Amino acid sequence: MKRYASTSDLPSIAARLRGASHITILTHSKPDGDAAGSLLALARALRAIGKRVDAFFTGIVEANIMGLARDGEVLVAPAAMPSVTTDVVVLVDTGAWSQVEPLQEYLRAVAGRVIGLDHHARGDEIAGDRVVDPSLASATQLVVKLVDELGVPLVDPNGTPHFSIAEAVFAGLATDTGWFRFQSANAGVYALAARLLALGVDKTSLYQRLEENWRPARLGMMARALSSLTFHHGGRVTMMRLSQQDFADARAAQDDIGGLVNMPLSIGTVEMSIILTESEPQVTKVSFRSKPSLSASPTIDVNAFAARFGGGGHTQAAGARFKLSLHEAQREVERELETL
């Protein structure tokens, strides 16, 4: 198995993008703030230099995430599908086939024209030309370096910071560091955040739009998730589960539950939180989160744990997808927890 690593550099990627007329930008299914911010920042930069850009989110998109984009700025696959005649396809914030399932056939059809920009430690050979930097806290850090290479200002001098490249970058930077709480929020992260704030990004408004803008149904799902909570490993690990019946009873949708996995981490003894969600019959999605231990024990690497199930992500935030019922997926996770 080939090591997932860079095969190109940003000056070469920038030159390839300058030479293209029609560019398509994609990211992983159910985009989070970093995926959306990376996609939007790059799309806005390329449009600013006169490129035709088609940008696509994929799968379920939370209303809060969609609110980062202007009306019509992004399409959603598979309801709409990208064109195979595009000159270049840029895949941001992922390099894993498992995270682009609705677009796998398309990406294979345009093989050779795919560029990858990623900060995850694990991935596949989707993009022949790719820049991968796992040392970065967010993919937007990589995208902003490319935007600088292209010579595009992060805020239009004649516009406002709202719906700017800068705002999109800040959205990814903030959300992928837990609003600067995670260990990944290092000096480089704060330096970039300061640069963006100096350009006029309104962090308070952005936080409200992303984190305090949910539908009432979210409270019902929060109650159901917490009522299912169980403790494992002497209280170090928690597990929650949400069934399709829970969604029906709460009149909720899949985009009402973003971030619920983090709730148990507010307990001092809890170092890892897991939530299993029955997204459809015989399909269960699992999210893993961890935090540094207050004791001397090392932080639980949920990226490595998720990899046992074919998933992945970051040391403190990862996910996996099972083609199993909720109960069967739970048993698989519990079995692996015994070896943790």
C-alpha atoms as a PDB file:
ATOM      1  CA  MET A   1       0.000   0.000   0.000  1.00  0.00           C
ATOM      2  CA  LYS A   2       1.420   3.383  -1.020  1.00  0.00           C
ATOM      3  CA  ARG A   3       2.016   6.001   1.624  1.00  0.00           C
ATOM      4  CA  TYR A   4      -0.497   8.842   1.497  1.00  0.00           C
ATOM      5  CA  ALA A   5       1.741  11.852   0.919  1.00  0.00           C
ATOM      6  CA  SER A   6       2.287  14.852  -1.326  1.00  0.00           C
ATOM      7  CA  THR A   7       3.126  14.220  -4.973  1.00  0.00           C
ATOM      8  CA  SER A   8       3.245  17.901  -5.955  1.00  0.00           C
ATOM      9  CA  ASP A   9       3.646  21.369  -4.449  1.00  0.00           C
ATOM     10  CA  LEU A  10       1.557  24.513  -4.281  1.00  0.00           C
ATOM     11  CA  PRO A  11       3.409  26.499  -7.005  1.00  0.00           C
ATOM     12  CA  SER A  12       2.838  23.594  -9.422  1.00  0.00           C
ATOM     13  CA  ILE A  13      -0.838  23.325  -8.414  1.00  0.00           C
ATOM     14  CA  ALA A  14      -1.272  27.079  -8.846  1.00  0.00           C
ATOM     15  CA  ALA A  15       0.260  26.927 -12.330  1.00  0.00           C
ATOM     16  CA  ARG A  16      -2.070  24.097 -13.299  1.00  0.00           C
ATOM     17  CA  LEU A  17      -5.094  26.042 -12.087  1.00  0.00           C
ATOM     18  CA  ARG A  18      -3.996  29.192 -13.936  1.00  0.00           C
ATOM     19  CA  GLY A  19      -3.856  27.165 -17.140  1.00  0.00           C
ATOM     20  CA  ALA A  20      -7.372  25.751 -16.746  1.00  0.00           C
ATOM     21  CA  SER A  21     -10.565  27.438 -17.933  1.00  0.00           C
ATOM     22  CA  HIS A  22     -13.201  25.213 -16.293  1.00  0.00           C
ATOM     23  CA  ILE A  23     -12.521  23.992 -12.760  1.00  0.00           C
ATOM     24  CA  THR A  24     -14.682  21.769 -10.563  1.00  0.00           C
ATOM     25  CA  ILE A  25     -14.234  21.733  -6.778  1.00  0.00           C
ATOM     26  CA  LEU A  26     -15.446  18.865  -4.584  1.00  0.00           C
ATOM     27  CA  THR A  27     -15.113  17.780  -0.969  1.00  0.00           C
ATOM     28  CA  HIS A  28     -16.236  14.929   1.255  1.00  0.00           C
ATOM     29  CA  SER A  29     -19.835  13.915   1.912  1.00  0.00           C
ATOM     30  CA  LYS A  30     -21.701  15.732   4.676  1.00  0.00           C
ATOM     31  CA  PRO A  31     -19.282  18.672   4.636  1.00  0.00           C
ATOM     32  CA  ASP A  32     -18.204  20.188   7.924  1.00  0.00           C
ATOM     33  CA  GLY A  33     -16.939  23.735   8.417  1.00  0.00           C
ATOM     34  CA  ASP A  34     -13.458  22.947   7.158  1.00  0.00           C
ATOM     35  CA  ALA A  35     -14.660  21.154   4.025  1.00  0.00           C
ATOM     36  CA  ALA A  36     -17.116  23.933   3.236  1.00  0.00           C
ATOM     37  CA  GLY A  37     -14.684  26.715   4.072  1.00  0.00           C
ATOM     38  CA  SER A  38     -11.926  25.166   1.953  1.00  0.00           C
ATOM     39  CA  LEU A  39     -14.229  24.658  -1.024  1.00  0.00           C
ATOM     40  CA  LEU A  40     -15.744  28.143  -0.831  1.00  0.00           C
ATOM     41  CA  ALA A  41     -12.421  29.919  -0.303  1.00  0.00           C
ATOM     42  CA  LEU A  42     -10.845  28.254  -3.328  1.00  0.00           C
ATOM     43  CA  ALA A  43     -13.945  28.730  -5.498  1.00  0.00           C
ATOM     44  CA  ARG A  44     -14.054  32.439  -4.679  1.00  0.00           C
ATOM     45  CA  ALA A  45     -10.346  32.867  -5.380  1.00  0.00           C
ATOM     46  CA  LEU A  46     -10.533  31.135  -8.757  1.00  0.00           C
ATOM     47  CA  ARG A  47     -13.635  33.075  -9.781  1.00  0.00           C
ATOM     48  CA  ALA A  48     -11.780  36.266  -8.859  1.00  0.00           C
ATOM     49  CA  ILE A  49      -9.171  35.492 -11.548  1.00  0.00           C
ATOM     50  CA  GLY A  50     -11.807  34.780 -14.180  1.00  0.00           C
ATOM     51  CA  LYS A  51     -12.155  31.006 -14.016  1.00  0.00           C
ATOM     52  CA  ARG A  52     -15.392  29.142 -14.598  1.00  0.00           C
ATOM     53  CA  VAL A  53     -15.895  27.264 -11.336  1.00  0.00           C
ATOM     54  CA  ASP A  54     -18.455  24.596 -10.460  1.00  0.00           C
ATOM     55  CA  ALA A  55     -18.477  23.884  -6.714  1.00  0.00           C
ATOM     56  CA  PHE A  56     -20.335  20.953  -5.174  1.00  0.00           C
ATOM     57  CA  PHE A  57     -21.231  19.835  -1.691  1.00  0.00           C
ATOM     58  CA  THR A  58     -22.220  16.184  -1.386  1.00  0.00           C
ATOM     59  CA  GLY A  59     -24.883  14.346   0.577  1.00  0.00           C
ATOM     60  CA  ILE A  60     -26.532  15.805   3.679  1.00  0.00           C
ATOM     61  CA  VAL A  61     -25.595  19.452   4.213  1.00  0.00           C
ATOM     62  CA  GLU A  62     -26.476  21.152   7.500  1.00  0.00           C
ATOM     63  CA  ALA A  63     -28.376  24.401   7.022  1.00  0.00           C
ATOM     64  CA  ASN A  64     -25.724  26.175   9.117  1.00  0.00           C
ATOM     65  CA  ILE A  65     -23.007  24.988   6.730  1.00  0.00           C
ATOM     66  CA  MET A  66     -25.019  25.912   3.646  1.00  0.00           C
ATOM     67  CA  GLY A  67     -25.400  29.366   5.178  1.00  0.00           C
ATOM     68  CA  LEU A  68     -21.701  29.986   4.546  1.00  0.00           C
ATOM     69  CA  ALA A  69     -22.455  30.192   0.810  1.00  0.00           C
ATOM     70  CA  ARG A  70     -24.340  32.736  -1.211  1.00  0.00           C
ATOM     71  CA  ASP A  71     -27.502  31.569  -2.978  1.00  0.00           C
ATOM     72  CA  GLY A  72     -26.508  29.514  -6.016  1.00  0.00           C
ATOM     73  CA  GLU A  73     -22.800  29.562  -5.160  1.00  0.00           C
ATOM     74  CA  VAL A  74     -22.690  25.818  -4.523  1.00  0.00           C
ATOM     75  CA  LEU A  75     -24.639  22.869  -5.940  1.00  0.00           C
ATOM     76  CA  VAL A  76     -25.378  19.669  -4.022  1.00  0.00           C
ATOM     77  CA  ALA A  77     -24.591  16.229  -5.425  1.00  0.00           C
ATOM     78  CA  PRO A  78     -26.021  13.772  -6.277  1.00  0.00           C
ATOM     79  CA  ALA A  79     -29.107  15.936  -7.004  1.00  0.00           C
ATOM     80  CA  ALA A  80     -26.797  17.794  -9.406  1.00  0.00           C
ATOM     81  CA  MET A  81     -23.665  16.203 -10.791  1.00  0.00           C
ATOM     82  CA  PRO A  82     -20.398  17.756 -12.016  1.00  0.00           C
ATOM     83  CA  SER A  83     -19.460  17.697 -15.689  1.00  0.00           C
ATOM     84  CA  VAL A  84     -16.919  15.195 -17.015  1.00  0.00           C
ATOM     85  CA  THR A  85     -15.735  17.836 -19.538  1.00  0.00           C
ATOM     86  CA  THR A  86     -14.162  20.010 -16.836  1.00  0.00           C
ATOM     87  CA  ASP A  87     -10.463  20.783 -17.252  1.00  0.00           C
ATOM     88  CA  VAL A  88      -9.481  20.145 -13.629  1.00  0.00           C
ATOM     89  CA  VAL A  89     -11.139  18.707 -10.533  1.00  0.00           C
ATOM     90  CA  VAL A  90      -9.916  19.837  -7.107  1.00  0.00           C
ATOM     91  CA  LEU A  91     -10.773  17.607  -4.150  1.00  0.00           C
ATOM     92  CA  VAL A  92     -10.354  19.400  -0.821  1.00  0.00           C
ATOM     93  CA  ASP A  93     -10.226  18.162   2.780  1.00  0.00           C
ATOM     94  CA  THR A  94     -10.223  14.465   1.908  1.00  0.00           C
ATOM     95  CA  GLY A  95      -8.401  11.882  -0.129  1.00  0.00           C
ATOM     96  CA  ALA A  96     -10.424   8.844   0.936  1.00  0.00           C
ATOM     97  CA  TRP A  97     -12.730   6.903  -1.372  1.00  0.00           C
ATOM     98  CA  SER A  98     -14.965   6.083   1.602  1.00  0.00           C
ATOM     99  CA  GLN A  99     -15.741   9.788   2.068  1.00  0.00           C
ATOM    100  CA  VAL A 100     -16.764  10.495  -1.532  1.00  0.00           C
ATOM    101  CA  GLU A 101     -19.040   7.531  -2.160  1.00  0.00           C
ATOM    102  CA  PRO A 102     -21.702   9.382  -4.222  1.00  0.00           C
ATOM    103  CA  LEU A 103     -18.938  10.733  -6.509  1.00  0.00           C
ATOM    104  CA  GLN A 104     -16.712   7.670  -6.853  1.00  0.00           C
ATOM    105  CA  GLU A 105     -17.830   6.854 -10.389  1.00  0.00           C
ATOM    106  CA  TYR A 106     -17.395  10.469 -11.445  1.00  0.00           C
ATOM    107  CA  LEU A 107     -13.924  10.756  -9.915  1.00  0.00           C
ATOM    108  CA  ARG A 108     -12.803   7.590 -11.667  1.00  0.00           C
ATOM    109  CA  ALA A 109     -14.123   8.998 -14.954  1.00  0.00           C
ATOM    110  CA  VAL A 110     -11.943  12.114 -14.574  1.00  0.00           C
ATOM    111  CA  ALA A 111      -8.870  10.304 -13.233  1.00  0.00           C
ATOM    112  CA  GLY A 112      -5.736  12.156 -14.288  1.00  0.00           C
ATOM    113  CA  ARG A 113      -7.421  15.522 -13.909  1.00  0.00           C
ATOM    114  CA  VAL A 114      -7.872  15.389 -10.125  1.00  0.00           C
ATOM    115  CA  ILE A 115      -5.864  17.603  -7.762  1.00  0.00           C
ATOM    116  CA  GLY A 116      -5.922  16.900  -4.025  1.00  0.00           C
ATOM    117  CA  LEU A 117      -5.539  19.348  -1.131  1.00  0.00           C
ATOM    118  CA  ASP A 118      -5.704  17.589   2.211  1.00  0.00           C
ATOM    119  CA  HIS A 119      -4.448  17.644   5.789  1.00  0.00           C
ATOM    120  CA  HIS A 120      -5.441  14.124   6.837  1.00  0.00           C
ATOM    121  CA  ALA A 121      -2.896  11.425   7.558  1.00  0.00           C
ATOM    122  CA  ARG A 122      -4.774   8.694   5.679  1.00  0.00           C
ATOM    123  CA  GLY A 123      -6.114   8.645   2.144  1.00  0.00           C
ATOM    124  CA  ASP A 124      -6.206   6.871  -1.197  1.00  0.00           C
ATOM    125  CA  GLU A 125      -4.850   7.403  -4.705  1.00  0.00           C
ATOM    126  CA  ILE A 126      -7.752   9.568  -5.894  1.00  0.00           C
ATOM    127  CA  ALA A 127      -5.651  12.563  -6.901  1.00  0.00           C
ATOM    128  CA  GLY A 128      -2.478  12.015  -8.917  1.00  0.00           C
ATOM    129  CA  ASP A 129      -1.276  15.545  -8.090  1.00  0.00           C
ATOM    130  CA  ARG A 130      -1.823  16.296  -4.444  1.00  0.00           C
ATOM    131  CA  VAL A 131      -0.473  18.291  -1.530  1.00  0.00           C
ATOM    132  CA  VAL A 132      -0.989  16.598   1.844  1.00  0.00           C
ATOM    133  CA  ASP A 133       0.122  18.243   5.086  1.00  0.00           C
ATOM    134  CA  PRO A 134      -1.093  16.457   8.253  1.00  0.00           C
ATOM    135  CA  SER A 135       0.752  19.014  10.394  1.00  0.00           C
ATOM    136  CA  LEU A 136      -1.964  21.555   9.599  1.00  0.00           C
ATOM    137  CA  ALA A 137      -5.004  21.912  11.833  1.00  0.00           C
ATOM    138  CA  SER A 138      -7.368  22.570   8.948  1.00  0.00           C
ATOM    139  CA  ALA A 139      -7.489  22.219   5.184  1.00  0.00           C
ATOM    140  CA  THR A 140      -8.228  25.930   4.943  1.00  0.00           C
ATOM    141  CA  GLN A 141      -4.642  26.571   6.079  1.00  0.00           C
ATOM    142  CA  LEU A 142      -3.479  24.766   2.957  1.00  0.00           C
ATOM    143  CA  VAL A 143      -6.030  26.503   0.751  1.00  0.00           C
ATOM    144  CA  VAL A 144      -5.035  29.958   1.968  1.00  0.00           C
ATOM    145  CA  LYS A 145      -1.415  29.211   1.020  1.00  0.00           C
ATOM    146  CA  LEU A 146      -2.619  28.313  -2.478  1.00  0.00           C
ATOM    147  CA  VAL A 147      -4.740  31.464  -2.665  1.00  0.00           C
ATOM    148  CA  ASP A 148      -1.675  33.505  -1.698  1.00  0.00           C
ATOM    149  CA  GLU A 149       0.292  31.673  -4.407  1.00  0.00           C
ATOM    150  CA  LEU A 150      -2.411  32.690  -6.902  1.00  0.00           C
ATOM    151  CA  GLY A 151      -2.049  36.304  -5.748  1.00  0.00           C
ATOM    152  CA  VAL A 152      -5.707  36.765  -4.826  1.00  0.00           C
ATOM    153  CA  PRO A 153      -6.547  39.057  -1.854  1.00  0.00           C
ATOM    154  CA  LEU A 154      -8.548  37.375   0.905  1.00  0.00           C
ATOM    155  CA  VAL A 155     -11.061  40.233   0.959  1.00  0.00           C
ATOM    156  CA  ASP A 156     -12.284  42.131  -2.096  1.00  0.00           C
ATOM    157  CA  PRO A 157     -11.189  45.766  -1.587  1.00  0.00           C
ATOM    158  CA  ASN A 158     -14.585  46.842  -2.957  1.00  0.00           C
ATOM    159  CA  GLY A 159     -16.580  44.305  -0.960  1.00  0.00           C
ATOM    160  CA  THR A 160     -17.145  43.287   2.642  1.00  0.00           C
ATOM    161  CA  PRO A 161     -15.650  40.477   4.748  1.00  0.00           C
ATOM    162  CA  HIS A 162     -19.048  38.720   4.714  1.00  0.00           C
ATOM    163  CA  PHE A 163     -19.012  35.871   2.151  1.00  0.00           C
ATOM    164  CA  SER A 164     -15.335  36.572   1.498  1.00  0.00           C
ATOM    165  CA  ILE A 165     -12.392  34.219   1.071  1.00  0.00           C
ATOM    166  CA  ALA A 166     -11.272  35.326   4.531  1.00  0.00           C
ATOM    167  CA  GLU A 167     -14.564  34.388   6.175  1.00  0.00           C
ATOM    168  CA  ALA A 168     -14.585  30.968   4.514  1.00  0.00           C
ATOM    169  CA  VAL A 169     -11.020  30.312   5.705  1.00  0.00           C
ATOM    170  CA  PHE A 170     -11.864  31.410   9.260  1.00  0.00           C
ATOM    171  CA  ALA A 171     -14.889  29.092   9.298  1.00  0.00           C
ATOM    172  CA  GLY A 172     -12.708  26.089   8.509  1.00  0.00           C
ATOM    173  CA  LEU A 173      -9.913  27.143  10.838  1.00  0.00           C
ATOM    174  CA  ALA A 174     -12.237  27.723  13.786  1.00  0.00           C
ATOM    175  CA  THR A 175     -14.459  24.681  13.428  1.00  0.00           C
ATOM    176  CA  ASP A 176     -11.656  22.152  12.835  1.00  0.00           C
ATOM    177  CA  THR A 177      -9.877  23.364  15.977  1.00  0.00           C
ATOM    178  CA  GLY A 178     -13.050  23.316  18.094  1.00  0.00           C
ATOM    179  CA  TRP A 179     -13.060  27.119  18.048  1.00  0.00           C
ATOM    180  CA  PHE A 180      -9.379  27.056  19.019  1.00  0.00           C
ATOM    181  CA  ARG A 181      -9.756  24.606  21.931  1.00  0.00           C
ATOM    182  CA  PHE A 182      -8.004  21.559  20.419  1.00  0.00           C
ATOM    183  CA  GLN A 183      -4.300  20.789  20.729  1.00  0.00           C
ATOM    184  CA  SER A 184      -3.996  21.452  16.993  1.00  0.00           C
ATOM    185  CA  ALA A 185      -4.623  25.170  17.620  1.00  0.00           C
ATOM    186  CA  ASN A 186      -0.955  26.116  17.623  1.00  0.00           C
ATOM    187  CA  ALA A 187       0.858  29.399  17.015  1.00  0.00           C
ATOM    188  CA  GLY A 188       0.366  29.093  13.247  1.00  0.00           C
ATOM    189  CA  VAL A 189      -3.383  28.758  13.700  1.00  0.00           C
ATOM    190  CA  TYR A 190      -3.563  31.853  15.879  1.00  0.00           C
ATOM    191  CA  ALA A 191      -1.353  33.810  13.496  1.00  0.00           C
ATOM    192  CA  LEU A 192      -3.685  33.046  10.592  1.00  0.00           C
ATOM    193  CA  ALA A 193      -6.738  33.811  12.738  1.00  0.00           C
ATOM    194  CA  ALA A 194      -5.224  37.189  13.627  1.00  0.00           C
ATOM    195  CA  ARG A 195      -4.586  37.922   9.950  1.00  0.00           C
ATOM    196  CA  LEU A 196      -8.211  37.117   9.102  1.00  0.00           C
ATOM    197  CA  LEU A 197      -9.624  39.150  11.975  1.00  0.00           C
ATOM    198  CA  ALA A 198      -7.513  42.101  10.884  1.00  0.00           C
ATOM    199  CA  LEU A 199      -9.215  41.830   7.480  1.00  0.00           C
ATOM    200  CA  GLY A 200     -12.595  42.302   9.157  1.00  0.00           C
ATOM    201  CA  VAL A 201     -13.941  38.786   9.715  1.00  0.00           C
ATOM    202  CA  ASP A 202     -16.718  38.968  12.326  1.00  0.00           C
ATOM    203  CA  LYS A 203     -16.022  35.915  14.503  1.00  0.00           C
ATOM    204  CA  THR A 204     -19.018  36.544  16.779  1.00  0.00           C
ATOM    205  CA  SER A 205     -21.492  36.592  13.913  1.00  0.00           C
ATOM    206  CA  LEU A 206     -19.839  33.566  12.329  1.00  0.00           C
ATOM    207  CA  TYR A 207     -20.043  31.601  15.592  1.00  0.00           C
ATOM    208  CA  GLN A 208     -23.730  32.430  15.924  1.00  0.00           C
ATOM    209  CA  ARG A 209     -24.452  31.372  12.343  1.00  0.00           C
ATOM    210  CA  LEU A 210     -22.608  28.077  12.709  1.00  0.00           C
ATOM    211  CA  GLU A 211     -23.116  27.057  16.340  1.00  0.00           C
ATOM    212  CA  GLU A 212     -26.212  28.891  17.612  1.00  0.00           C
ATOM    213  CA  ASN A 213     -28.532  28.618  14.659  1.00  0.00           C
ATOM    214  CA  TRP A 214     -30.119  25.166  15.009  1.00  0.00           C
ATOM    215  CA  ARG A 215     -33.740  24.129  14.557  1.00  0.00           C
ATOM    216  CA  PRO A 216     -35.817  23.254  17.688  1.00  0.00           C
ATOM    217  CA  ALA A 217     -35.729  19.565  16.692  1.00  0.00           C
ATOM    218  CA  ARG A 218     -32.077  19.525  17.736  1.00  0.00           C
ATOM    219  CA  LEU A 219     -33.090  19.687  21.398  1.00  0.00           C
ATOM    220  CA  GLY A 220     -35.207  16.558  20.968  1.00  0.00           C
ATOM    221  CA  MET A 221     -32.275  14.707  19.430  1.00  0.00           C
ATOM    222  CA  MET A 222     -29.974  15.946  22.162  1.00  0.00           C
ATOM    223  CA  ALA A 223     -32.329  14.523  24.794  1.00  0.00           C
ATOM    224  CA  ARG A 224     -32.563  11.184  22.979  1.00  0.00           C
ATOM    225  CA  ALA A 225     -28.803  10.939  22.538  1.00  0.00           C
ATOM    226  CA  LEU A 226     -28.129  11.635  26.210  1.00  0.00           C
ATOM    227  CA  SER A 227     -30.815   9.184  27.336  1.00  0.00           C
ATOM    228  CA  SER A 228     -28.984   6.429  25.418  1.00  0.00           C
ATOM    229  CA  LEU A 229     -25.577   7.237  26.940  1.00  0.00           C
ATOM    230  CA  THR A 230     -23.523   4.414  28.414  1.00  0.00           C
ATOM    231  CA  PHE A 231     -20.098   4.483  30.065  1.00  0.00           C
ATOM    232  CA  HIS A 232     -17.199   2.145  29.277  1.00  0.00           C
ATOM    233  CA  HIS A 233     -13.627   1.650  30.453  1.00  0.00           C
ATOM    234  CA  GLY A 234     -14.311   2.911  33.942  1.00  0.00           C
ATOM    235  CA  GLY A 235     -15.931   6.085  32.674  1.00  0.00           C
ATOM    236  CA  ARG A 236     -13.192   7.023  30.190  1.00  0.00           C
ATOM    237  CA  VAL A 237     -15.392   6.270  27.149  1.00  0.00           C
ATOM    238  CA  THR A 238     -19.043   7.040  26.439  1.00  0.00           C
ATOM    239  CA  MET A 239     -21.344   5.761  23.718  1.00  0.00           C
ATOM    240  CA  MET A 240     -24.637   7.178  22.462  1.00  0.00           C
ATOM    241  CA  ARG A 241     -26.964   5.934  19.731  1.00  0.00           C
ATOM    242  CA  LEU A 242     -29.699   7.450  17.576  1.00  0.00           C
ATOM    243  CA  SER A 243     -32.111   5.313  15.584  1.00  0.00           C
ATOM    244  CA  GLN A 244     -34.336   6.214  12.667  1.00  0.00           C
ATOM    245  CA  GLN A 245     -37.231   6.023  15.109  1.00  0.00           C
ATOM    246  CA  ASP A 246     -35.567   8.728  17.218  1.00  0.00           C
ATOM    247  CA  PHE A 247     -35.464  10.983  14.166  1.00  0.00           C
ATOM    248  CA  ALA A 248     -39.120  10.272  13.405  1.00  0.00           C
ATOM    249  CA  ASP A 249     -40.249  10.890  16.986  1.00  0.00           C
ATOM    250  CA  ALA A 250     -38.359  14.186  17.208  1.00  0.00           C
ATOM    251  CA  ARG A 251     -39.336  15.203  13.665  1.00  0.00           C
ATOM    252  CA  ALA A 252     -35.655  15.723  13.057  1.00  0.00           C
ATOM    253  CA  ALA A 253     -33.334  15.316  10.104  1.00  0.00           C
ATOM    254  CA  GLN A 254     -29.732  14.155   9.803  1.00  0.00           C
ATOM    255  CA  ASP A 255     -28.566  17.758   9.683  1.00  0.00           C
ATOM    256  CA  ASP A 256     -29.980  18.424  13.177  1.00  0.00           C
ATOM    257  CA  ILE A 257     -27.364  16.401  15.058  1.00  0.00           C
ATOM    258  CA  GLY A 258     -24.013  17.949  14.149  1.00  0.00           C
ATOM    259  CA  GLY A 259     -21.685  18.138  17.141  1.00  0.00           C
ATOM    260  CA  LEU A 260     -23.825  16.113  19.567  1.00  0.00           C
ATOM    261  CA  VAL A 261     -20.930  13.671  19.909  1.00  0.00           C
ATOM    262  CA  ASN A 262     -19.001  16.337  21.828  1.00  0.00           C
ATOM    263  CA  MET A 263     -21.471  16.649  24.705  1.00  0.00           C
ATOM    264  CA  PRO A 264     -20.080  13.875  26.965  1.00  0.00           C
ATOM    265  CA  LEU A 265     -16.581  15.346  26.721  1.00  0.00           C
ATOM    266  CA  SER A 266     -17.714  18.017  29.200  1.00  0.00           C
ATOM    267  CA  ILE A 267     -17.409  15.327  31.907  1.00  0.00           C
ATOM    268  CA  GLY A 268     -13.958  15.382  33.483  1.00  0.00           C
ATOM    269  CA  THR A 269     -13.363  11.625  33.391  1.00  0.00           C
ATOM    270  CA  VAL A 270     -14.510  11.171  29.784  1.00  0.00           C
ATOM    271  CA  GLU A 271     -11.652  11.012  27.296  1.00  0.00           C
ATOM    272  CA  MET A 272     -13.493   9.549  24.285  1.00  0.00           C
ATOM    273  CA  SER A 273     -17.068   9.971  23.067  1.00  0.00           C
ATOM    274  CA  ILE A 274     -18.810   7.871  20.419  1.00  0.00           C
ATOM    275  CA  ILE A 275     -22.186   8.351  18.756  1.00  0.00           C
ATOM    276  CA  LEU A 276     -23.777   5.837  16.399  1.00  0.00           C
ATOM    277  CA  THR A 277     -26.429   7.122  14.021  1.00  0.00           C
ATOM    278  CA  GLU A 278     -28.741   4.961  11.942  1.00  0.00           C
ATOM    279  CA  SER A 279     -28.810   7.023   8.755  1.00  0.00           C
ATOM    280  CA  GLU A 280     -30.847   4.464   6.787  1.00  0.00           C
ATOM    281  CA  PRO A 281     -31.741   0.771   7.148  1.00  0.00           C
ATOM    282  CA  GLN A 282     -28.557  -1.302   7.424  1.00  0.00           C
ATOM    283  CA  VAL A 283     -26.341   1.806   7.364  1.00  0.00           C
ATOM    284  CA  THR A 284     -24.844   3.232  10.560  1.00  0.00           C
ATOM    285  CA  LYS A 285     -22.516   6.203  10.802  1.00  0.00           C
ATOM    286  CA  VAL A 286     -20.204   6.490  13.782  1.00  0.00           C
ATOM    287  CA  SER A 287     -18.457   9.620  15.038  1.00  0.00           C
ATOM    288  CA  PHE A 288     -15.537   9.512  17.462  1.00  0.00           C
ATOM    289  CA  ARG A 289     -14.159  12.391  19.525  1.00  0.00           C
ATOM    290  CA  SER A 290     -11.460  12.543  22.182  1.00  0.00           C
ATOM    291  CA  LYS A 291      -9.732  15.058  24.417  1.00  0.00           C
ATOM    292  CA  PRO A 292      -6.432  15.089  26.314  1.00  0.00           C
ATOM    293  CA  SER A 293      -6.519  13.166  29.571  1.00  0.00           C
ATOM    294  CA  LEU A 294      -6.254  15.074  32.842  1.00  0.00           C
ATOM    295  CA  SER A 295      -3.986  12.265  34.014  1.00  0.00           C
ATOM    296  CA  ALA A 296      -0.666  11.161  32.555  1.00  0.00           C
ATOM    297  CA  SER A 297      -2.255   8.769  30.048  1.00  0.00           C
ATOM    298  CA  PRO A 298      -1.910   9.680  26.337  1.00  0.00           C
ATOM    299  CA  THR A 299      -4.785  11.153  24.340  1.00  0.00           C
ATOM    300  CA  ILE A 300      -6.876   8.443  22.705  1.00  0.00           C
ATOM    301  CA  ASP A 301      -6.138   8.519  18.966  1.00  0.00           C
ATOM    302  CA  VAL A 302      -9.624   8.218  17.459  1.00  0.00           C
ATOM    303  CA  ASN A 303      -8.162   8.424  13.959  1.00  0.00           C
ATOM    304  CA  ALA A 304      -6.358   5.139  14.584  1.00  0.00           C
ATOM    305  CA  PHE A 305      -9.439   3.674  16.264  1.00  0.00           C
ATOM    306  CA  ALA A 306     -11.702   4.641  13.345  1.00  0.00           C
ATOM    307  CA  ALA A 307      -9.191   3.087  10.945  1.00  0.00           C
ATOM    308  CA  ARG A 308     -10.062  -0.315  12.422  1.00  0.00           C
ATOM    309  CA  PHE A 309     -13.423   0.086  10.694  1.00  0.00           C
ATOM    310  CA  GLY A 310     -12.137   1.597   7.460  1.00  0.00           C
ATOM    311  CA  GLY A 311     -12.701   5.158   8.651  1.00  0.00           C
ATOM    312  CA  GLY A 312     -10.391   7.948   9.681  1.00  0.00           C
ATOM    313  CA  GLY A 313      -9.957  11.640  10.363  1.00  0.00           C
ATOM    314  CA  HIS A 314      -7.823  13.295  13.018  1.00  0.00           C
ATOM    315  CA  THR A 315      -6.305  12.296  16.339  1.00  0.00           C
ATOM    316  CA  GLN A 316      -9.218  13.844  18.239  1.00  0.00           C
ATOM    317  CA  ALA A 317     -12.024  13.711  15.645  1.00  0.00           C
ATOM    318  CA  ALA A 318     -12.801  10.875  13.250  1.00  0.00           C
ATOM    319  CA  GLY A 319     -15.626   8.823  11.794  1.00  0.00           C
ATOM    320  CA  ALA A 320     -16.559   5.570  10.123  1.00  0.00           C
ATOM    321  CA  ARG A 321     -19.468   4.099   8.196  1.00  0.00           C
ATOM    322  CA  PHE A 322     -20.892   0.602   8.625  1.00  0.00           C
ATOM    323  CA  LYS A 323     -23.188  -1.235   6.254  1.00  0.00           C
ATOM    324  CA  LEU A 324     -24.773  -2.800   9.322  1.00  0.00           C
ATOM    325  CA  SER A 325     -27.801  -2.225  11.492  1.00  0.00           C
ATOM    326  CA  LEU A 326     -27.451   0.086  14.472  1.00  0.00           C
ATOM    327  CA  HIS A 327     -27.303  -2.873  16.867  1.00  0.00           C
ATOM    328  CA  GLU A 328     -24.740  -4.764  14.770  1.00  0.00           C
ATOM    329  CA  ALA A 329     -22.524  -1.685  14.408  1.00  0.00           C
ATOM    330  CA  GLN A 330     -22.689  -1.083  18.139  1.00  0.00           C
ATOM    331  CA  ARG A 331     -21.512  -4.632  18.818  1.00  0.00           C
ATOM    332  CA  GLU A 332     -18.580  -4.157  16.414  1.00  0.00           C
ATOM    333  CA  VAL A 333     -17.500  -0.955  18.163  1.00  0.00           C
ATOM    334  CA  GLU A 334     -17.932  -2.475  21.631  1.00  0.00           C
ATOM    335  CA  ARG A 335     -15.821  -5.455  20.590  1.00  0.00           C
ATOM    336  CA  GLU A 336     -12.982  -3.163  19.555  1.00  0.00           C
ATOM    337  CA  LEU A 337     -13.338  -1.101  22.725  1.00  0.00           C
ATOM    338  CA  GLU A 338     -12.388  -4.208  24.685  1.00  0.00           C
ATOM    339  CA  THR A 339      -8.920  -4.001  23.132  1.00  0.00           C
ATOM    340  CA  LEU A 340      -8.511  -0.253  23.595  1.00  0.00           C
END
